[in-house]
N, C-alpha and C. Protein backbone atom coordinates (compact mmCIF):
# COMPACT_ATOMS: atom_id res chain seq x y z
N MET A 1 111.54 178.97 200.46
CA MET A 1 110.61 177.78 200.56
C MET A 1 111.46 176.69 200.58
N THR A 2 110.95 175.68 201.36
CA THR A 2 111.81 174.41 201.70
C THR A 2 110.99 173.41 201.12
N GLN A 3 111.01 173.20 199.97
CA GLN A 3 110.45 172.02 199.32
C GLN A 3 111.25 170.81 199.72
N GLN A 4 110.76 169.70 200.07
CA GLN A 4 111.47 168.53 200.50
C GLN A 4 111.90 167.79 199.08
N ASN A 5 112.85 168.38 198.43
CA ASN A 5 113.27 167.76 197.22
C ASN A 5 113.93 166.45 197.47
N LYS A 6 113.65 165.48 196.37
CA LYS A 6 114.15 164.06 196.43
C LYS A 6 113.88 163.12 197.71
N LEU A 7 112.93 163.68 198.48
CA LEU A 7 112.67 163.09 199.60
C LEU A 7 111.63 161.73 199.21
N LYS A 8 112.07 160.63 199.80
CA LYS A 8 111.33 159.36 199.67
C LYS A 8 111.01 158.74 201.13
N LEU A 9 109.82 158.35 201.20
CA LEU A 9 109.30 157.69 202.27
C LEU A 9 108.82 156.30 202.00
N GLU A 10 109.16 155.29 202.90
CA GLU A 10 108.67 154.04 202.58
C GLU A 10 107.97 153.41 203.86
N THR A 11 106.88 152.72 203.28
CA THR A 11 106.08 151.93 204.43
C THR A 11 105.96 150.55 204.11
N ALA A 12 105.36 149.57 204.71
CA ALA A 12 105.33 148.25 204.54
C ALA A 12 104.78 148.13 203.10
N ARG A 13 103.96 148.68 202.63
CA ARG A 13 103.19 148.51 201.10
C ARG A 13 103.54 149.69 200.25
N LEU A 14 103.93 150.77 200.60
CA LEU A 14 103.98 151.93 199.76
C LEU A 14 105.28 152.64 199.78
N VAL A 15 105.45 153.29 198.59
CA VAL A 15 106.54 154.23 198.71
C VAL A 15 106.03 155.68 198.17
N LEU A 16 106.51 156.55 199.02
CA LEU A 16 106.02 158.11 198.94
C LEU A 16 107.41 158.53 198.30
N ARG A 17 107.16 159.20 197.18
CA ARG A 17 108.42 160.03 196.51
C ARG A 17 107.67 161.23 195.94
N GLN A 18 108.49 162.20 195.63
CA GLN A 18 108.23 163.61 195.21
C GLN A 18 107.50 163.47 193.78
N PHE A 19 106.31 164.03 193.80
CA PHE A 19 105.46 164.05 192.60
C PHE A 19 106.16 164.68 191.59
N GLU A 20 106.01 164.12 190.26
CA GLU A 20 106.70 164.63 189.02
C GLU A 20 105.52 164.91 188.01
N LEU A 21 106.06 165.91 187.29
CA LEU A 21 105.17 166.20 186.14
C LEU A 21 104.73 164.95 185.32
N SER A 22 105.77 163.91 185.16
CA SER A 22 105.68 162.79 184.34
C SER A 22 104.66 161.74 184.86
N ASP A 23 104.10 162.12 186.05
CA ASP A 23 103.03 161.31 186.94
C ASP A 23 101.70 161.84 186.49
N ALA A 24 101.50 162.79 185.75
CA ALA A 24 100.37 163.10 185.02
C ALA A 24 99.71 162.14 184.31
N ASP A 25 100.03 161.37 183.72
CA ASP A 25 99.48 160.24 182.84
C ASP A 25 98.77 159.33 183.85
N ALA A 26 99.33 158.79 184.83
CA ALA A 26 98.80 157.71 186.08
C ALA A 26 97.93 158.64 186.55
N MET A 27 98.04 160.01 187.01
CA MET A 27 97.20 160.70 187.90
C MET A 27 95.65 160.93 187.00
N TYR A 28 96.03 161.17 185.85
CA TYR A 28 94.76 161.16 184.86
C TYR A 28 93.79 159.94 184.77
N ARG A 29 94.73 158.80 184.57
CA ARG A 29 93.96 157.55 184.35
C ARG A 29 93.48 157.11 185.72
N ASN A 30 94.16 157.18 186.89
CA ASN A 30 93.83 156.60 187.78
C ASN A 30 92.89 157.28 188.97
N TRP A 31 92.70 158.54 188.75
CA TRP A 31 91.89 159.20 189.60
C TRP A 31 91.22 160.57 189.13
N ALA A 32 92.18 161.40 188.62
CA ALA A 32 91.68 162.72 188.14
C ALA A 32 90.53 162.76 187.05
N SER A 33 90.43 161.70 186.33
CA SER A 33 89.31 161.66 185.26
C SER A 33 88.00 160.93 186.05
N ASP A 34 88.03 160.38 187.23
CA ASP A 34 86.96 159.81 187.81
C ASP A 34 86.09 160.74 188.66
N PRO A 35 84.90 160.96 188.25
CA PRO A 35 83.91 161.73 189.06
C PRO A 35 83.62 161.55 190.57
N ASP A 36 83.89 160.00 190.54
CA ASP A 36 83.69 159.49 192.05
C ASP A 36 84.69 160.04 192.97
N VAL A 37 85.88 159.96 192.47
CA VAL A 37 86.94 160.54 193.48
C VAL A 37 87.15 162.15 193.55
N VAL A 38 86.95 162.73 192.47
CA VAL A 38 86.92 164.19 192.57
C VAL A 38 85.78 164.84 193.10
N ARG A 39 84.60 164.26 193.26
CA ARG A 39 83.41 164.99 193.51
C ARG A 39 83.65 165.76 194.96
N PHE A 40 84.50 165.29 195.85
CA PHE A 40 84.77 165.89 197.01
C PHE A 40 86.14 166.86 197.13
N MET A 41 86.83 166.80 195.70
CA MET A 41 88.10 167.77 195.81
C MET A 41 87.82 168.98 195.50
N CYS A 42 88.87 169.85 195.42
CA CYS A 42 88.72 171.37 195.16
C CYS A 42 88.90 171.61 193.47
N TYR A 43 88.93 170.55 192.92
CA TYR A 43 88.96 170.74 191.43
C TYR A 43 87.81 169.72 190.72
N ASP A 44 87.67 170.04 189.40
CA ASP A 44 86.61 169.31 188.67
C ASP A 44 87.38 168.14 187.93
N VAL A 45 86.60 167.24 187.47
CA VAL A 45 87.09 166.09 186.71
C VAL A 45 87.99 166.89 185.48
N CYS A 46 89.07 166.04 185.64
CA CYS A 46 90.10 166.53 184.32
C CYS A 46 89.58 165.67 183.07
N GLU A 47 89.21 166.45 182.08
CA GLU A 47 88.77 165.70 180.88
C GLU A 47 89.68 165.28 179.99
N SER A 48 90.93 165.58 180.30
CA SER A 48 92.12 165.06 179.21
C SER A 48 93.44 165.20 180.03
N LEU A 49 94.41 164.53 179.50
CA LEU A 49 95.71 164.42 179.98
C LEU A 49 96.07 165.81 180.15
N GLU A 50 95.97 166.91 179.07
CA GLU A 50 96.25 168.07 179.17
C GLU A 50 95.37 168.90 180.31
N ALA A 51 94.46 168.64 180.48
CA ALA A 51 93.72 169.31 181.59
C ALA A 51 94.39 169.05 183.00
N THR A 52 94.83 167.76 182.93
CA THR A 52 95.46 167.36 184.27
C THR A 52 96.78 167.97 184.43
N LYS A 53 97.50 168.17 183.33
CA LYS A 53 98.89 168.81 183.60
C LYS A 53 98.47 170.39 183.95
N VAL A 54 97.40 171.07 183.39
CA VAL A 54 97.28 172.39 183.57
C VAL A 54 96.82 172.32 185.42
N HIS A 55 96.26 171.48 185.64
CA HIS A 55 95.92 171.28 186.99
C HIS A 55 97.19 171.20 188.02
N ILE A 56 98.07 170.43 187.68
CA ILE A 56 99.33 170.07 188.26
C ILE A 56 99.89 171.32 188.38
N ASP A 57 100.11 172.21 187.13
CA ASP A 57 100.73 173.36 187.32
C ASP A 57 100.08 174.44 188.08
N GLN A 58 98.90 174.36 188.32
CA GLN A 58 98.07 175.34 189.00
C GLN A 58 98.46 175.02 190.66
N TRP A 59 98.67 173.62 190.73
CA TRP A 59 98.83 173.15 192.12
C TRP A 59 100.37 173.44 192.72
N LEU A 60 101.14 173.26 191.75
CA LEU A 60 102.64 173.44 192.13
C LEU A 60 102.83 175.24 192.18
N GLU A 61 102.15 175.95 191.26
CA GLU A 61 102.04 177.21 191.46
C GLU A 61 101.55 177.76 192.98
N TYR A 62 100.61 177.01 193.43
CA TYR A 62 100.00 177.42 194.80
C TYR A 62 101.25 177.15 195.63
N PHE A 63 101.84 176.03 195.78
CA PHE A 63 102.97 175.52 196.59
C PHE A 63 104.07 176.49 196.60
N ASN A 64 104.15 176.99 195.35
CA ASN A 64 105.58 177.84 195.29
C ASN A 64 105.26 179.40 195.69
N MET A 65 103.95 179.76 195.87
CA MET A 65 103.52 180.78 196.46
C MET A 65 103.52 180.92 198.03
N LEU A 66 103.89 179.72 198.62
CA LEU A 66 103.96 179.84 199.80
C LEU A 66 104.91 180.59 200.49
N ALA A 67 104.73 181.12 201.83
CA ALA A 67 106.01 181.81 202.49
C ALA A 67 107.08 181.53 202.25
N PRO A 68 108.36 182.33 202.41
CA PRO A 68 109.72 182.02 202.31
C PRO A 68 109.76 181.18 203.59
N GLY A 69 110.71 180.12 203.43
CA GLY A 69 110.96 179.24 204.57
C GLY A 69 109.85 178.17 205.04
N SER A 70 108.82 178.29 204.35
CA SER A 70 107.91 177.28 204.59
C SER A 70 108.19 175.84 203.85
N SER A 71 107.68 174.76 204.92
CA SER A 71 108.05 173.44 204.28
C SER A 71 107.03 172.91 203.63
N TRP A 72 107.19 172.34 202.46
CA TRP A 72 106.06 171.52 201.84
C TRP A 72 106.66 170.29 201.00
N CYS A 73 105.73 169.39 200.63
CA CYS A 73 106.04 168.16 199.53
C CYS A 73 104.77 167.82 199.16
N LEU A 74 104.86 167.47 197.91
CA LEU A 74 103.69 166.81 197.23
C LEU A 74 104.30 165.45 196.93
N PHE A 75 103.62 164.36 197.56
CA PHE A 75 104.12 162.97 197.20
C PHE A 75 103.26 162.36 196.37
N SER A 76 103.92 161.25 195.58
CA SER A 76 103.33 160.39 194.67
C SER A 76 103.16 159.05 195.90
N ILE A 77 101.89 158.65 195.67
CA ILE A 77 101.71 157.42 196.47
C ILE A 77 101.78 156.00 195.59
N ILE A 78 102.97 155.31 195.72
CA ILE A 78 103.09 154.30 194.81
C ILE A 78 103.12 152.76 195.50
N LEU A 79 102.41 151.87 195.13
CA LEU A 79 102.42 150.59 195.63
C LEU A 79 103.72 149.69 195.37
N LYS A 80 104.26 149.27 196.33
CA LYS A 80 105.60 148.69 196.40
C LYS A 80 105.57 147.36 195.36
N ALA A 81 104.30 146.67 195.66
CA ALA A 81 104.36 145.49 194.72
C ALA A 81 104.34 145.57 193.28
N SER A 82 103.63 146.49 192.66
CA SER A 82 103.52 146.70 191.14
C SER A 82 104.02 147.86 190.52
N GLY A 83 104.41 148.78 191.41
CA GLY A 83 105.07 150.14 191.15
C GLY A 83 103.94 151.06 190.56
N GLU A 84 102.43 150.80 190.78
CA GLU A 84 101.58 151.82 190.36
C GLU A 84 101.22 152.95 191.17
N LEU A 85 101.30 154.16 190.47
CA LEU A 85 101.01 155.36 191.13
C LEU A 85 99.27 155.33 191.47
N ILE A 86 99.03 155.35 192.80
CA ILE A 86 97.47 155.29 193.05
C ILE A 86 96.95 156.44 193.62
N GLY A 87 97.75 157.61 193.90
CA GLY A 87 97.12 158.69 194.56
C GLY A 87 98.35 159.70 195.12
N THR A 88 97.95 160.73 195.59
CA THR A 88 98.84 161.69 196.05
C THR A 88 98.73 162.03 197.60
N ILE A 89 99.77 162.55 198.38
CA ILE A 89 99.49 163.05 199.54
C ILE A 89 100.54 164.15 199.70
N ASP A 90 100.10 165.36 200.35
CA ASP A 90 100.88 166.50 200.41
C ASP A 90 100.70 166.99 201.93
N PHE A 91 101.90 167.80 202.28
CA PHE A 91 101.69 168.77 203.36
C PHE A 91 102.39 170.13 202.87
N HIS A 92 101.67 171.07 203.44
CA HIS A 92 102.34 172.44 203.13
C HIS A 92 102.05 173.21 204.55
N GLU A 93 103.23 173.78 204.93
CA GLU A 93 103.22 174.55 206.30
C GLU A 93 102.54 176.06 205.81
N ASN A 94 101.55 176.29 206.62
CA ASN A 94 100.61 177.57 206.39
C ASN A 94 100.80 178.46 207.42
N ASP A 95 101.62 177.95 208.58
CA ASP A 95 101.92 179.09 209.62
C ASP A 95 103.14 178.69 210.26
N HIS A 96 104.07 179.53 209.48
CA HIS A 96 105.61 179.04 209.97
C HIS A 96 105.69 179.21 211.48
N GLU A 97 105.29 180.53 212.04
CA GLU A 97 105.70 180.81 213.38
C GLU A 97 104.99 179.52 214.32
N ALA A 98 103.64 179.15 214.03
CA ALA A 98 103.03 178.02 214.96
C ALA A 98 103.69 176.82 214.43
N ARG A 99 104.53 176.73 213.37
CA ARG A 99 105.09 175.53 212.77
C ARG A 99 103.66 174.44 212.51
N ALA A 100 102.82 174.93 211.85
CA ALA A 100 101.69 174.22 211.44
C ALA A 100 101.45 174.02 210.09
N ALA A 101 101.02 172.91 209.61
CA ALA A 101 100.86 172.73 208.27
C ALA A 101 99.71 171.66 208.11
N GLU A 102 98.98 172.02 206.87
CA GLU A 102 97.84 171.30 206.31
C GLU A 102 98.28 170.05 205.62
N ILE A 103 97.55 168.95 205.66
CA ILE A 103 97.94 167.78 205.01
C ILE A 103 96.60 167.39 204.20
N GLY A 104 96.74 167.08 202.84
CA GLY A 104 95.80 166.55 201.88
C GLY A 104 96.07 165.52 201.18
N TYR A 105 95.07 164.62 200.78
CA TYR A 105 95.48 163.27 200.04
C TYR A 105 94.34 163.08 199.03
N GLN A 106 94.51 162.16 198.12
CA GLN A 106 93.61 161.66 197.11
C GLN A 106 94.13 160.33 196.64
N LEU A 107 93.29 159.42 196.52
CA LEU A 107 93.65 158.03 196.09
C LEU A 107 92.55 157.57 195.29
N GLY A 108 93.09 156.85 193.87
CA GLY A 108 92.15 156.31 193.02
C GLY A 108 91.30 155.43 193.33
N ARG A 109 89.90 155.28 193.29
CA ARG A 109 88.86 154.49 193.49
C ARG A 109 89.29 152.92 193.60
N ALA A 110 89.98 152.47 192.75
CA ALA A 110 90.30 151.10 192.78
C ALA A 110 91.08 150.64 193.90
N TRP A 111 91.63 151.51 194.79
CA TRP A 111 92.33 151.11 195.74
C TRP A 111 91.76 151.72 197.21
N TRP A 112 90.66 152.16 197.18
CA TRP A 112 89.89 152.57 198.38
C TRP A 112 89.52 151.35 199.11
N GLY A 113 89.48 151.39 200.57
CA GLY A 113 89.14 150.37 201.57
C GLY A 113 90.15 149.54 201.77
N ASN A 114 91.33 149.75 201.50
CA ASN A 114 92.49 148.82 201.72
C ASN A 114 93.70 149.41 202.71
N GLY A 115 93.36 150.48 203.24
CA GLY A 115 94.28 151.19 204.20
C GLY A 115 95.31 151.91 203.70
N TYR A 116 95.38 152.07 202.54
CA TYR A 116 96.49 152.88 201.96
C TYR A 116 96.57 154.36 202.20
N ALA A 117 95.65 154.80 202.27
CA ALA A 117 95.56 156.40 202.58
C ALA A 117 95.87 156.58 204.00
N THR A 118 95.51 155.60 205.00
CA THR A 118 96.14 155.58 206.32
C THR A 118 97.40 155.36 206.57
N GLU A 119 97.94 154.49 205.83
CA GLU A 119 99.29 154.16 205.64
C GLU A 119 100.37 155.42 205.46
N ALA A 120 99.76 155.81 204.22
CA ALA A 120 100.51 157.21 203.66
C ALA A 120 100.37 158.30 204.54
N LEU A 121 99.24 158.53 205.20
CA LEU A 121 99.09 159.51 206.05
C LEU A 121 100.15 159.53 207.54
N CYS A 122 100.00 158.36 207.96
CA CYS A 122 100.82 157.94 209.18
C CYS A 122 102.32 158.24 208.98
N ALA A 123 102.71 157.91 207.46
CA ALA A 123 104.11 158.11 207.44
C ALA A 123 104.53 159.49 206.98
N VAL A 124 103.55 160.40 206.66
CA VAL A 124 103.75 161.81 206.16
C VAL A 124 103.71 162.51 207.84
N ILE A 125 102.69 162.14 208.75
CA ILE A 125 102.85 162.74 209.81
C ILE A 125 103.95 162.44 210.61
N GLU A 126 104.36 161.25 210.69
CA GLU A 126 105.84 161.02 211.46
C GLU A 126 106.94 161.85 210.61
N HIS A 127 106.90 161.90 209.40
CA HIS A 127 107.97 162.68 208.97
C HIS A 127 107.91 164.18 209.26
N CYS A 128 106.80 164.62 209.28
CA CYS A 128 106.50 166.16 209.66
C CYS A 128 106.95 166.32 211.09
N PHE A 129 106.50 165.47 211.96
CA PHE A 129 106.98 165.75 213.35
C PHE A 129 108.43 165.32 213.72
N GLU A 130 108.98 164.19 213.18
CA GLU A 130 110.24 163.92 213.32
C GLU A 130 111.56 164.51 212.70
N ASN A 131 111.06 164.87 211.34
CA ASN A 131 112.29 165.23 210.52
C ASN A 131 112.02 166.90 210.04
N VAL A 132 110.74 167.37 209.89
CA VAL A 132 110.50 168.69 209.51
C VAL A 132 110.52 169.75 210.60
N GLY A 133 110.07 169.10 211.81
CA GLY A 133 110.04 170.05 212.89
C GLY A 133 108.73 170.73 213.13
N LEU A 134 107.65 170.18 212.58
CA LEU A 134 106.40 170.64 212.69
C LEU A 134 105.68 170.51 214.13
N ASN A 135 104.72 171.36 214.61
CA ASN A 135 104.04 171.05 215.81
C ASN A 135 102.68 170.74 215.88
N ARG A 136 101.92 171.30 214.74
CA ARG A 136 100.58 170.81 214.37
C ARG A 136 100.38 170.62 213.10
N LEU A 137 99.60 169.50 212.67
CA LEU A 137 99.05 169.27 211.39
C LEU A 137 97.66 168.88 211.52
N TRP A 138 97.08 169.42 210.32
CA TRP A 138 95.66 169.54 210.26
C TRP A 138 95.02 169.20 209.07
N ALA A 139 93.91 168.72 208.93
CA ALA A 139 93.35 168.28 207.59
C ALA A 139 91.75 168.57 207.68
N ASP A 140 91.04 168.85 206.59
CA ASP A 140 89.59 168.88 206.66
C ASP A 140 89.02 168.10 205.51
N HIS A 141 87.68 168.01 205.59
CA HIS A 141 87.05 167.29 204.50
C HIS A 141 85.66 167.67 204.35
N ASN A 142 85.11 167.34 203.11
CA ASN A 142 83.69 167.81 202.79
C ASN A 142 82.89 166.95 203.93
N SER A 143 81.78 167.23 204.47
CA SER A 143 81.18 166.35 205.52
C SER A 143 80.53 165.40 204.91
N LEU A 144 80.21 165.16 203.68
CA LEU A 144 79.73 164.16 202.93
C LEU A 144 80.80 162.79 202.77
N ASN A 145 81.94 163.06 202.64
CA ASN A 145 82.95 162.35 202.44
C ASN A 145 83.57 161.55 203.88
N VAL A 146 82.47 160.65 204.49
CA VAL A 146 82.85 160.17 205.80
C VAL A 146 84.11 159.35 205.80
N ALA A 147 84.34 158.88 204.67
CA ALA A 147 85.54 157.78 204.48
C ALA A 147 86.92 158.46 204.86
N SER A 148 86.89 159.83 204.23
CA SER A 148 87.95 160.48 204.83
C SER A 148 88.31 160.89 206.13
N GLY A 149 87.12 161.30 206.92
CA GLY A 149 87.13 161.25 208.11
C GLY A 149 87.84 160.13 209.07
N LYS A 150 87.25 158.94 208.62
CA LYS A 150 87.93 157.84 209.15
C LYS A 150 89.45 157.51 209.10
N VAL A 151 89.89 157.97 207.84
CA VAL A 151 91.28 157.84 207.58
C VAL A 151 91.86 158.66 208.46
N LEU A 152 91.33 159.92 209.03
CA LEU A 152 91.95 160.92 209.72
C LEU A 152 92.19 160.44 211.01
N LEU A 153 90.98 159.69 211.70
CA LEU A 153 90.83 159.16 212.90
C LEU A 153 91.80 157.98 213.04
N LYS A 154 92.03 157.22 212.02
CA LYS A 154 92.76 156.13 212.26
C LYS A 154 94.23 156.51 212.17
N ALA A 155 94.64 157.50 211.74
CA ALA A 155 95.96 157.89 211.70
C ALA A 155 96.29 158.78 212.91
N GLY A 156 95.36 158.68 213.79
CA GLY A 156 95.72 159.51 215.24
C GLY A 156 95.27 160.84 215.25
N MET A 157 94.55 161.49 214.26
CA MET A 157 94.09 163.06 214.34
C MET A 157 92.76 162.92 215.16
N PHE A 158 92.54 164.04 215.69
CA PHE A 158 91.49 164.42 216.46
C PHE A 158 90.51 165.32 216.08
N HIS A 159 89.16 164.80 215.96
CA HIS A 159 87.97 165.83 215.36
C HIS A 159 88.00 167.11 216.31
N GLU A 160 87.99 168.25 215.51
CA GLU A 160 88.01 169.44 216.11
C GLU A 160 86.81 170.26 216.03
N GLY A 161 86.15 169.90 214.96
CA GLY A 161 84.72 170.71 214.81
C GLY A 161 84.35 170.80 213.32
N THR A 162 83.21 171.15 213.17
CA THR A 162 82.72 171.24 211.85
C THR A 162 82.29 172.63 211.71
N ALA A 163 82.60 173.31 210.47
CA ALA A 163 82.32 174.66 209.94
C ALA A 163 81.08 174.59 208.99
N ARG A 164 79.97 174.84 209.65
CA ARG A 164 78.77 174.53 208.67
C ARG A 164 78.28 175.78 207.57
N GLN A 165 78.34 174.94 206.44
CA GLN A 165 78.04 175.64 205.14
C GLN A 165 79.16 176.70 204.98
N CYS A 166 80.24 176.33 204.95
CA CYS A 166 81.39 177.47 204.95
C CYS A 166 82.01 177.70 203.24
N TYR A 167 81.73 176.80 202.75
CA TYR A 167 82.06 176.91 201.15
C TYR A 167 81.16 176.28 200.04
N VAL A 168 81.21 176.66 198.99
CA VAL A 168 80.31 176.22 197.89
C VAL A 168 81.20 175.25 197.01
N ARG A 169 80.58 174.26 196.77
CA ARG A 169 81.16 172.95 195.96
C ARG A 169 79.95 172.62 195.03
N LYS A 170 80.20 173.08 193.75
CA LYS A 170 79.23 172.58 192.66
C LYS A 170 78.01 173.25 193.01
N GLY A 171 77.87 174.33 193.23
CA GLY A 171 76.53 175.08 193.55
C GLY A 171 75.86 174.97 194.89
N GLN A 172 76.64 173.99 195.65
CA GLN A 172 76.03 173.78 196.91
C GLN A 172 76.66 174.13 198.14
N LEU A 173 75.98 174.59 199.27
CA LEU A 173 76.79 174.93 200.41
C LEU A 173 77.16 173.71 201.22
N VAL A 174 78.36 173.56 201.61
CA VAL A 174 79.06 172.54 202.19
C VAL A 174 79.65 172.54 203.59
N ASP A 175 79.50 171.82 204.27
CA ASP A 175 79.90 171.65 205.75
C ASP A 175 81.48 171.22 205.52
N LYS A 176 82.33 171.39 206.41
CA LYS A 176 83.92 171.22 206.31
C LYS A 176 83.97 170.71 207.75
N VAL A 177 84.57 169.45 207.92
CA VAL A 177 84.95 168.85 208.92
C VAL A 177 86.38 168.75 209.38
N SER A 178 86.88 169.37 210.50
CA SER A 178 88.42 169.51 210.87
C SER A 178 88.93 168.67 211.69
N TYR A 179 90.22 168.08 211.57
CA TYR A 179 90.82 167.23 212.32
C TYR A 179 92.28 167.91 212.62
N ALA A 180 92.86 167.62 213.64
CA ALA A 180 94.41 167.93 213.82
C ALA A 180 95.02 166.93 214.83
N ILE A 181 96.31 166.99 214.77
CA ILE A 181 97.25 166.52 215.63
C ILE A 181 98.50 167.08 215.95
N LEU A 182 98.71 167.23 217.13
CA LEU A 182 100.04 167.98 217.74
C LEU A 182 101.17 167.00 218.00
N LYS A 183 102.37 167.40 217.93
CA LYS A 183 103.49 166.74 218.10
C LYS A 183 103.40 165.94 219.52
N GLU A 184 102.94 166.62 220.34
CA GLU A 184 102.77 166.07 221.81
C GLU A 184 101.73 164.85 221.83
N ASP A 185 100.74 164.97 220.89
CA ASP A 185 99.78 163.57 220.85
C ASP A 185 100.39 162.74 220.14
N TRP A 186 101.31 163.03 219.12
CA TRP A 186 101.89 162.01 218.31
C TRP A 186 102.91 161.21 219.39
N ASP A 187 103.89 162.02 220.13
CA ASP A 187 104.80 161.37 220.93
C ASP A 187 103.94 160.47 222.01
N THR A 188 102.86 161.01 222.59
CA THR A 188 101.96 160.23 223.61
C THR A 188 101.47 159.00 222.90
N GLY A 189 101.17 159.00 221.68
CA GLY A 189 100.63 157.73 220.91
C GLY A 189 101.85 156.76 220.81
N LYS A 190 102.99 157.19 220.36
CA LYS A 190 104.12 156.36 220.25
C LYS A 190 104.47 155.76 221.70
N GLU A 191 104.38 156.45 222.63
CA GLU A 191 104.83 155.66 224.19
C GLU A 191 103.62 154.79 224.41
N THR A 192 102.44 154.93 224.20
CA THR A 192 101.50 154.11 224.51
C THR A 192 101.17 152.93 223.52
N GLY A 193 101.55 153.16 222.42
CA GLY A 193 101.01 152.15 221.37
C GLY A 193 102.05 151.28 221.00
């Protein structure tokens, strides 16, 4: 496994640094306990700080089970101005031979609509293509989470399709909308942008 240890990325307004267990309190306070945030996530509302820590342990266990040599990083998204931890963003290589990785993110409701998710996503995409050597990045979201799709498009990803009723969330069949970007797309965007 190639965890991107002690990695720190900076944007105009954000610092992205490796997520630490000590971030559990901010995670619980700022989004994991908020039903509006987690309604589209793969986990349920964390009812306590202890439940948040259990979730984090499960999260890290999942990353640690990735194939040997796979790259991954779980970043805390921190506002430069205040130092507040407002969310997370991660990438994890799920096809080493194809150099492909999935990206996921979550952001506290108080910070929605300010472009923070797009800013963090663009930084991680750039890092994955320029420093990690990946060729394909992809993400998907619950079809009801339209705002997440807008973030992916603003970051330069392309809509690839919708898998209808492909999983169950809280007893309901849900559609999953998929997006991706290739290294060549990123390079072309840099040249024309």
